[in-house]
Protein backbone atom coordinates (compact mmCIF):
# COMPACT_ATOMS: atom_id res chain seq x y z
CA MET A 1 163.80 126.71 40.15
CA LYS A 2 162.87 123.14 39.35
CA ASP A 3 161.38 122.64 42.83
CA ASN A 4 159.34 125.83 42.43
CA ILE A 5 157.71 124.32 39.32
CA ILE A 6 157.16 120.78 40.69
CA LYS A 7 155.56 121.79 44.02
CA PRO A 8 152.61 123.71 42.42
CA ILE A 9 152.02 120.79 40.07
CA ILE A 10 151.93 118.31 42.96
CA SER A 11 149.59 120.60 44.92
CA PHE A 12 147.29 120.88 41.91
CA VAL A 13 147.19 117.10 41.47
CA LEU A 14 146.41 116.56 45.17
CA LEU A 15 143.62 119.13 45.07
CA ALA A 16 142.19 117.52 41.93
CA MET A 17 142.24 114.08 43.58
CA LEU A 18 140.57 115.47 46.71
CA PHE A 19 137.88 117.16 44.62
CA HIS A 20 137.32 113.96 42.65
CA ASN A 21 136.95 111.91 45.85
CA ARG A 22 134.43 114.38 47.24
CA ILE A 23 132.36 114.13 44.05
CA ILE A 24 132.38 110.32 44.30
CA ALA A 25 131.43 110.44 47.99
CA GLN A 26 128.53 112.77 47.24
CA ALA A 27 127.36 110.54 44.37
CA ASN A 28 127.63 107.40 46.53
CA PRO A 29 126.89 108.41 50.13
CA ARG A 30 127.82 105.83 52.75
CA LYS A 31 125.00 104.34 54.76
CA VAL A 32 125.52 104.29 58.51
CA LEU A 33 124.44 101.08 60.23
CA ASN A 34 123.79 100.87 63.95
CA LEU A 35 123.47 97.67 65.95
CA GLN A 36 119.70 97.38 65.56
CA ASP A 37 119.99 97.93 61.79
CA CYS A 38 122.46 95.05 61.56
CA ILE A 39 120.29 92.73 63.67
CA SER A 40 117.19 93.55 61.62
CA MET A 41 119.00 92.93 58.33
CA ALA A 42 120.40 89.64 59.61
CA LEU A 43 116.99 88.44 60.77
CA GLU A 44 115.48 89.41 57.43
CA LYS A 45 118.11 87.88 55.16
CA SER A 46 119.34 84.89 57.13
CA THR A 47 118.81 81.58 55.35
CA THR A 48 118.25 79.99 58.76
CA ILE A 49 115.28 82.29 59.36
CA LEU A 50 113.90 81.79 55.85
CA LYS A 51 114.07 78.00 56.23
CA GLY A 52 112.64 78.26 59.75
CA ASN A 53 109.59 80.12 58.44
CA ASN A 54 109.15 77.45 55.78
CA ASN A 55 109.38 74.75 58.43
CA ILE A 56 106.63 76.43 60.47
CA ALA A 57 104.44 76.57 57.36
CA PHE A 58 105.18 72.89 56.70
CA THR A 59 104.27 71.78 60.23
CA GLY A 60 101.12 73.91 59.99
CA THR A 61 99.99 71.92 56.96
CA GLN A 62 100.69 68.73 58.91
CA VAL A 63 98.41 69.91 61.71
CA LEU A 64 95.66 70.69 59.20
CA ALA A 65 96.07 67.29 57.56
CA ALA A 66 95.92 65.51 60.94
CA TYR A 67 92.80 67.46 61.95
CA GLY A 68 91.17 66.62 58.65
CA GLN A 69 91.17 62.92 59.55
CA PHE A 70 88.34 63.61 62.03
CA LEU A 71 86.10 64.97 59.27
CA PRO A 72 83.97 62.96 56.83
CA ASN A 73 85.09 62.85 53.26
CA LEU A 74 82.77 63.52 50.33
CA VAL A 75 83.29 61.87 46.95
CA ALA A 76 81.24 62.65 43.86
CA GLY A 77 81.32 60.64 40.67
CA ALA A 78 79.49 60.50 37.36
CA GLY A 79 79.71 58.52 34.16
CA VAL A 80 78.18 57.97 30.74
CA ASN A 81 78.37 54.78 28.65
CA TYR A 82 77.11 53.87 25.23
CA ASN A 83 76.49 50.24 24.28
CA ARG A 84 75.68 48.98 20.80
CA GLY A 85 75.68 45.45 19.30
CA ASN A 86 74.20 41.96 19.55
CA ASN A 87 73.64 40.07 22.77
CA PHE A 88 72.52 36.42 22.75
CA TYR A 89 70.46 35.14 25.71
CA SER A 90 69.72 31.44 26.03
CA THR A 91 68.49 30.89 29.60
CA ALA A 92 64.79 31.47 28.76
CA GLY A 93 64.89 30.45 25.14
CA ALA A 94 67.05 31.68 22.37
CA THR A 95 66.87 35.43 22.24
CA LEU A 96 68.97 37.73 20.13
CA VAL A 97 68.95 41.33 21.17
CA ASN A 98 70.47 44.10 19.10
CA ASN A 99 70.45 47.39 20.92
CA GLY A 100 72.03 50.75 21.16
CA ARG A 101 71.76 52.27 24.60
CA SER A 102 73.15 55.37 26.34
CA GLN A 103 73.51 54.92 30.10
CA TYR A 104 74.11 57.65 32.66
CA ASN A 105 74.97 57.36 36.34
CA TYR A 106 76.15 59.39 39.30
CA GLN A 107 77.02 58.72 42.91
CA LEU A 108 77.75 60.71 46.04
CA THR A 109 79.50 58.86 48.87
CA SER A 110 80.91 59.79 52.28
CA SER A 111 82.63 58.03 55.14
CA VAL A 112 83.90 59.08 58.56
CA ASN A 113 86.12 57.30 61.01
CA ILE A 114 84.35 56.65 64.31
CA PHE A 115 87.21 54.91 66.08
CA SER A 116 90.78 54.46 64.83
CA GLY A 117 92.39 53.13 67.97
CA TYR A 118 93.47 56.71 68.85
CA TYR A 119 95.64 56.86 65.71
CA ASN A 120 94.07 60.06 64.39
CA TYR A 121 93.99 61.78 67.78
CA ALA A 122 97.62 60.90 68.53
CA SER A 123 98.69 62.09 65.07
CA TRP A 124 96.89 65.38 65.60
CA LYS A 125 98.48 65.97 69.03
CA SER A 126 101.92 65.08 67.72
CA ALA A 127 101.51 67.46 64.77
CA GLN A 128 100.47 70.28 67.10
CA LEU A 129 103.55 69.73 69.26
CA ASN A 130 105.80 69.63 66.20
CA GLU A 131 104.39 72.98 65.07
CA LYS A 132 105.23 74.49 68.47
CA VAL A 133 108.72 72.98 68.30
CA ALA A 134 109.24 74.57 64.88
CA GLY A 135 108.19 77.97 66.21
CA MET A 136 110.44 77.72 69.27
CA THR A 137 113.36 76.51 67.15
CA LEU A 138 112.96 79.55 64.94
CA GLU A 139 112.83 81.85 67.97
CA ARG A 140 116.05 80.35 69.38
CA ALA A 141 117.70 80.74 65.98
CA LYS A 142 116.75 84.43 66.05
CA GLN A 143 118.33 84.80 69.49
CA GLN A 144 121.51 83.12 68.25
CA ILE A 145 121.67 85.42 65.24
CA GLN A 146 121.21 88.47 67.45
CA LEU A 147 124.10 87.37 69.67
CA ASP A 148 126.35 86.58 66.69
CA ILE A 149 125.66 89.96 65.10
CA THR A 150 126.18 91.73 68.42
CA GLN A 151 129.56 90.04 68.88
CA ALA A 152 130.65 90.91 65.34
CA TYR A 153 129.39 94.50 65.73
CA LEU A 154 131.17 95.02 69.06
CA GLN A 155 134.36 93.63 67.54
CA VAL A 156 134.25 96.28 64.80
CA LEU A 157 133.46 98.92 67.41
CA LEU A 158 136.46 97.78 69.47
CA ASP A 159 138.65 97.92 66.37
CA LYS A 160 137.51 101.49 65.69
CA LYS A 161 138.30 102.61 69.22
CA ILE A 162 141.68 100.85 69.20
CA ALA A 163 142.47 102.54 65.88
CA ALA A 164 141.43 105.90 67.35
CA LEU A 165 143.78 105.36 70.31
CA ASP A 166 146.60 104.37 67.94
CA SER A 167 145.92 107.46 65.84
CA SER A 168 146.04 109.69 68.91
CA ASN A 169 149.24 107.99 70.03
CA LEU A 170 150.79 108.55 66.59
CA SER A 171 149.76 112.19 66.73
CA THR A 172 151.57 112.54 70.07
CA SER A 173 154.72 110.94 68.61
CA LEU A 174 154.62 113.17 65.52
CA LYS A 175 154.33 116.29 67.64
CA ARG A 176 157.24 115.21 69.81
CA GLU A 177 159.27 114.36 66.71
CA ASP A 178 158.66 117.85 65.32
CA GLN A 179 159.69 119.37 68.64
CA LEU A 180 162.84 117.24 68.83
CA THR A 181 163.76 118.18 65.27
CA VAL A 182 163.77 121.84 66.25
CA LEU A 183 165.49 121.23 69.58
CA THR A 184 168.30 119.19 68.01
CA GLN A 185 168.86 121.89 65.42
CA ILE A 186 169.46 124.46 68.15
CA GLY A 187 171.53 122.00 70.19
CA ARG A 188 169.17 121.59 73.16
CA ARG A 189 168.58 117.88 72.57
CA ALA A 190 170.84 115.06 71.50
CA LYS A 191 170.29 113.61 68.06
CA THR A 192 169.92 110.17 69.64
CA ASP A 193 166.61 111.34 71.13
CA LEU A 194 165.41 112.36 67.67
CA TYR A 195 166.51 109.07 66.13
CA GLN A 196 164.78 107.09 68.87
CA GLN A 197 161.64 109.16 68.44
CA GLN A 198 161.69 108.62 64.68
CA ALA A 199 161.90 104.87 65.30
CA GLN A 200 158.99 105.02 67.72
CA THR A 201 156.97 107.12 65.29
CA SER A 202 157.56 104.56 62.58
CA ASN A 203 156.45 101.78 64.93
CA ASP A 204 153.32 103.78 65.88
CA LYS A 205 152.49 104.22 62.19
CA LEU A 206 152.81 100.47 61.65
CA GLN A 207 150.59 99.79 64.64
CA LEU A 208 147.92 102.15 63.28
CA ILE A 209 148.11 100.55 59.83
CA ASN A 210 147.58 97.11 61.36
CA ALA A 211 144.70 98.37 63.50
CA LEU A 212 142.95 99.92 60.49
CA SER A 213 143.47 96.73 58.49
CA LYS A 214 141.97 94.61 61.25
CA MET A 215 139.03 96.98 61.54
CA GLN A 216 138.35 96.71 57.80
CA ASN A 217 138.59 92.91 57.84
CA ASP A 218 136.22 92.59 60.81
CA LYS A 219 133.85 95.01 59.13
CA VAL A 220 133.82 92.82 56.02
CA LEU A 221 133.06 89.77 58.18
CA LEU A 222 130.16 91.61 59.84
CA LEU A 223 128.68 92.68 56.50
CA GLN A 224 129.16 89.17 55.19
CA ARG A 225 126.87 87.96 57.97
CA LEU A 226 124.36 90.53 56.72
CA ARG A 227 124.77 89.17 53.17
CA ILE A 228 126.21 92.49 51.98
CA ASP A 229 128.98 92.03 49.44
CA SER A 230 130.52 95.51 49.58
CA ALA A 231 131.93 97.22 52.65
CA ASP A 232 132.74 100.47 50.86
CA ASN A 233 129.20 101.88 50.98
CA TYR A 234 128.55 101.23 54.68
CA GLU A 235 129.83 102.72 57.91
CA ILE A 236 129.43 101.23 61.39
CA ALA A 237 127.99 103.70 63.88
CA ASP A 238 129.27 104.18 67.41
CA ILE A 239 126.93 103.16 70.23
CA PRO A 240 127.08 103.83 73.97
CA ILE A 241 129.12 101.17 75.77
CA ASP A 242 127.15 99.68 78.65
CA ASP A 243 130.00 98.63 80.96
CA LYS A 244 128.16 98.88 84.28
CA THR A 245 128.79 95.80 86.40
CA GLU A 246 125.16 95.26 87.59
CA THR A 247 126.20 92.64 90.15
CA ASP A 248 122.68 92.49 91.63
CA ARG A 249 121.41 91.14 88.34
CA TYR A 250 124.26 88.90 87.23
CA ASN A 251 126.20 87.95 90.36
CA ASN A 252 123.98 85.11 91.66
CA GLU A 253 124.99 82.00 89.73
CA GLN A 254 122.23 79.73 91.06
CA ALA A 255 119.56 82.29 90.30
CA LEU A 256 120.86 82.56 86.73
CA VAL A 257 120.82 78.78 86.37
CA GLN A 258 117.20 78.61 87.54
CA GLN A 259 116.20 81.38 85.13
CA ALA A 260 117.83 79.45 82.31
CA LEU A 261 116.16 76.15 83.20
CA GLN A 262 112.79 77.90 83.25
CA GLY A 263 113.25 80.32 80.38
CA ARG A 264 115.44 78.65 77.74
CA ILE A 265 113.44 77.93 74.61
CA ASP A 266 115.63 74.98 73.63
CA ILE A 267 114.70 73.21 76.89
CA LYS A 268 111.04 73.88 76.21
CA TYR A 269 111.09 72.52 72.68
CA ALA A 270 113.21 69.54 73.77
CA ASP A 271 110.46 68.75 76.29
CA LEU A 272 107.81 69.15 73.58
CA ALA A 273 109.80 66.76 71.40
CA VAL A 274 109.54 64.17 74.20
CA GLN A 275 105.78 64.68 74.38
CA SER A 276 105.48 64.37 70.61
CA ALA A 277 107.47 61.12 70.68
CA ASP A 278 105.15 59.74 73.38
CA TRP A 279 102.11 60.53 71.23
CA ASN A 280 103.75 58.69 68.35
CA ILE A 281 103.94 55.58 70.55
CA LYS A 282 100.19 55.83 71.18
CA LYS A 283 99.61 56.41 67.49
CA TYR A 284 101.36 53.22 66.46
CA LYS A 285 99.85 51.19 69.32
CA SER A 286 96.46 51.87 67.71
CA GLY A 287 97.37 49.12 65.26
CA TYR A 288 96.47 46.61 67.98
CA LEU A 289 92.89 47.94 68.16
CA PRO A 290 89.95 47.67 65.75
CA GLN A 291 88.84 50.49 63.47
CA VAL A 292 85.21 51.51 62.96
CA ASN A 293 83.94 53.57 60.01
CA LEU A 294 80.53 54.99 59.19
CA ALA A 295 79.84 55.14 55.45
CA GLY A 296 76.91 56.12 53.25
CA GLY A 297 76.11 57.12 49.72
CA LEU A 298 73.56 57.95 47.02
CA TYR A 299 73.45 56.24 43.61
CA ASN A 300 71.40 56.67 40.45
CA ASN A 301 71.25 55.21 36.94
CA GLY A 302 69.38 56.23 33.81
CA ALA A 303 69.32 54.85 30.24
CA TYR A 304 68.01 55.80 26.82
CA PHE A 305 67.52 53.35 23.90
CA ASP A 306 68.05 54.60 20.39
CA LYS A 307 67.71 51.01 19.07
CA LEU A 308 66.19 47.79 20.48
CA VAL A 309 65.65 44.76 18.22
CA VAL A 310 64.68 41.41 19.81
CA ASN A 311 64.84 38.36 17.51
CA GLY A 312 64.49 40.63 14.53
CA VAL A 313 61.50 42.53 15.89
CA ASP A 314 61.77 46.23 16.70
CA GLU A 315 60.92 46.53 20.38
CA LYS A 316 61.98 50.13 20.88
CA PRO A 317 59.40 51.82 23.10
CA ALA A 318 57.27 54.47 21.50
CA SER A 319 58.18 56.83 24.30
CA GLN A 320 60.89 56.80 26.92
CA GLU A 321 61.09 58.58 30.23
CA ALA A 322 63.30 61.65 30.16
CA LEU A 323 66.82 61.13 31.48
CA THR A 324 66.45 63.98 33.96
CA THR A 325 63.37 62.29 35.40
CA GLN A 326 65.15 58.93 35.60
CA LEU A 327 68.16 60.46 37.36
CA TYR A 328 65.81 62.09 39.83
CA LYS A 329 63.31 59.27 40.49
CA TYR A 330 65.52 56.22 40.57
CA THR A 331 67.88 57.29 43.33
CA TYR A 332 68.80 54.82 46.04
CA GLY A 333 71.17 55.07 48.95
CA TYR A 334 72.86 53.12 51.69
CA LEU A 335 74.19 53.68 55.19
CA GLY A 336 76.39 51.25 57.09
CA VAL A 337 78.92 50.78 59.85
CA ASN A 338 82.04 48.77 59.12
CA ALA A 339 84.49 47.39 61.68
CA THR A 340 87.89 45.89 60.88
CA TRP A 341 90.43 44.32 63.20
CA ASN A 342 93.80 43.30 61.92
CA LEU A 343 94.54 40.20 63.99
CA PHE A 344 98.00 39.62 62.53
CA ASP A 345 99.84 42.26 60.50
CA LYS A 346 103.18 40.50 60.14
CA TYR A 347 104.67 42.39 63.13
CA PHE A 348 104.18 45.74 61.37
CA THR A 349 102.55 47.37 64.41
CA LYS A 350 104.98 45.80 66.85
CA SER A 351 108.04 47.07 64.96
CA ASN A 352 106.56 50.57 64.60
CA VAL A 353 105.87 50.73 68.35
CA ALA A 354 109.43 49.57 69.09
CA VAL A 355 110.92 52.26 66.84
CA ALA A 356 108.65 54.92 68.38
CA LYS A 357 109.81 53.92 71.88
CA ILE A 358 113.44 54.21 70.82
CA ASP A 359 112.75 57.68 69.38
CA ALA A 360 111.06 58.71 72.64
CA ASP A 361 114.03 57.43 74.65
CA ASN A 362 116.41 59.39 72.42
CA ALA A 363 114.26 62.49 72.87
CA ARG A 364 114.56 62.14 76.66
CA ILE A 365 118.32 61.76 76.35
CA ASP A 366 118.43 64.93 74.22
CA LEU A 367 116.34 66.78 76.81
CA GLN A 368 118.69 65.76 79.60
CA ASP A 369 121.75 66.72 77.55
CA THR A 370 120.17 70.09 76.79
CA LYS A 371 119.61 70.77 80.48
CA ILE A 372 123.18 69.76 81.33
CA SER A 373 124.52 71.97 78.54
CA VAL A 374 122.39 74.90 79.69
CA VAL A 375 123.66 74.67 83.26
CA ALA A 376 127.27 74.38 82.09
CA THR A 377 127.10 77.32 79.68
CA VAL A 378 125.39 79.56 82.25
CA LYS A 379 128.07 78.76 84.83
CA GLN A 380 130.78 79.45 82.27
CA ALA A 381 129.14 82.73 81.24
CA HIS A 382 128.82 83.72 84.91
CA ASN A 383 132.50 82.96 85.48
CA ASP A 384 133.41 85.07 82.42
CA TYR A 385 131.24 87.87 83.81
CA ILE A 386 133.01 87.76 87.19
CA ASN A 387 136.32 87.87 85.34
CA ALA A 388 135.07 90.87 83.34
CA VAL A 389 134.11 92.65 86.58
CA GLN A 390 137.59 92.07 87.97
CA GLN A 391 139.13 93.26 84.72
CA MET A 392 137.11 96.48 84.90
CA GLU A 393 138.35 97.18 88.41
CA THR A 394 141.94 96.41 87.46
CA VAL A 395 142.12 98.34 84.20
CA GLY A 396 140.39 101.33 85.77
CA LYS A 397 143.10 101.64 88.38
CA GLY A 398 145.77 100.85 85.81
CA LEU A 399 144.58 103.58 83.44
CA GLU A 400 144.48 106.17 86.21
CA ALA A 401 148.00 105.24 87.33
CA ALA A 402 149.35 105.19 83.75
CA GLN A 403 147.83 108.62 83.01
CA ASN A 404 149.33 110.12 86.18
CA ALA A 405 152.70 108.55 85.44
CA TYR A 406 152.71 109.82 81.86
CA ASP A 407 151.72 113.36 82.90
CA ALA A 408 154.52 113.42 85.47
CA VAL A 409 157.17 111.95 83.17
CA ASP A 410 156.15 114.11 80.22
CA GLY A 411 156.44 117.24 82.35
CA LYS A 412 159.91 116.23 83.51
CA TYR A 413 160.98 115.34 79.98
CA LYS A 414 159.96 118.72 78.66
CA GLU A 415 162.05 120.28 81.41
CA GLY A 416 165.00 118.01 80.57
CA ALA A 417 164.83 116.24 83.95
CA THR A 418 164.44 112.72 82.51
CA ASP A 419 165.55 110.76 79.45
CA PHE A 420 163.71 109.78 76.29
CA ILE A 421 163.49 106.09 77.18
CA THR A 422 161.46 106.87 80.29
CA GLU A 423 159.23 109.22 78.29
CA SER A 424 158.69 106.65 75.56
CA ASN A 425 157.96 103.85 78.00
CA SER A 426 155.40 105.94 79.88
CA GLN A 427 153.67 106.73 76.58
CA LEU A 428 153.50 103.06 75.61
CA VAL A 429 152.24 102.09 79.06
CA LEU A 430 149.50 104.72 78.80
CA LEU A 431 148.49 103.48 75.34
CA GLN A 432 148.31 99.90 76.59
CA ALA A 433 146.25 100.97 79.58
CA GLN A 434 143.84 102.87 77.35
CA GLN A 435 143.46 99.87 75.07
CA ASN A 436 142.95 97.56 78.04
CA LYS A 437 140.24 99.86 79.35
CA ILE A 438 138.23 99.97 76.13
CA GLN A 439 138.66 96.21 75.66
CA ALA A 440 137.42 95.59 79.20
CA SER A 441 134.44 97.94 78.70
CA ILE A 442 133.28 96.27 75.50
CA ASN A 443 133.94 92.85 76.99
CA MET A 444 131.74 93.75 79.97
CA MET A 445 128.92 94.77 77.64
CA LEU A 446 129.33 91.56 75.64
CA GLN A 447 129.43 89.30 78.71
CA LYS A 448 126.12 90.68 79.96
CA LYS A 449 124.53 90.03 76.57
CA ILE A 450 125.96 86.51 76.56
CA ILE A 451 124.44 85.80 79.97
CA ASP A 452 121.09 87.14 78.75
CA PHE A 453 121.34 84.81 75.77
CA TYR A 454 122.19 81.79 77.90
CA ILE A 455 119.35 82.37 80.35
CA GLY A 456 116.92 82.71 77.44
CA LYS A 457 116.26 86.47 77.30
């Protein structure tokens, strides 16, 4: 009687919880993310990309500043002064002047560098190369982010498929356990078979729990790369697994190495860094040469007396020329060429040239190291690809054999022609073969993307 009351209550509570969860799911629908969604979000939110864009903008301003050194400057100035008081002059007789005067002036000057010992030209070329380096560095960073996100995404996808296999395996064990429960009750199977199956079912449950936990953790790590703080509102979509071997494209190691040496952006910007360092040497060597500037300007002054007393006599003119007329009529200008040559600058130029040469040598060392690293990583990626091809061949045969073995053993076990241990072992071997197959398939897809990354695609 008590059980008849408790069971309806439990059923009601479970239905209420299910209804509540459905309402929450409808209110907060989960967003499904595919691989391209994840890559796009990573490229948009990555701090590396944001800083890379800022660096490009910064180098762009440096190019503009370097180009501006070829242009003439233009400086305008103006001033107004008011003087009042006594001035005593004694060179041509004693003269005491008491005046109050407003004075106005303006000037417009300009200068342009005619020859700077190639300093300006070298600075401009170096700035242009640095801007290209910044752009290529950003592009390589984008490629790296795409590979990182792809790896993290495929890991979650692998976890999902492993969990699905574990779930299917648990379902098989549960069905067999239900069958053995009935068969032992009617005396057709020994209880030891049921106990062994219960133990296996428990182990299969544990394996599924661990697989789901790993999937959730890897999903959190993926979303962390996307700068998403909650994994509850997102679901990772399945994508087709490209596990074709494509040996014509990836099998030739030397061809892959040549593609990498020609196509890798990091080699290109390392070479540009060498060129930029060479231009810096030329820039600092300009300190040994003279500099020539062309300069010119316009000047004007105007004044107005509101008081002029000379030796006690009022000498203020009856009329004074208008200030606007003065500032227009009394303009004068100049134009000149100036040359300077620093014959001894306390070894400033010499030390700068020495430092620039060291920087250029370091840039060449970095370029050589980059090439060596590229060749090594391509060869390693090619070796991993060959290993993935061999794995695909092996696990394909292994899965076929495991499936045939399980079908045969399961049929015999149902007929009572074999024991539980053989049945259980064949099930575990089949599960392992299925897991090996999906791991090899995803690994094949990943290895091809890694090769593409290392050859610069």
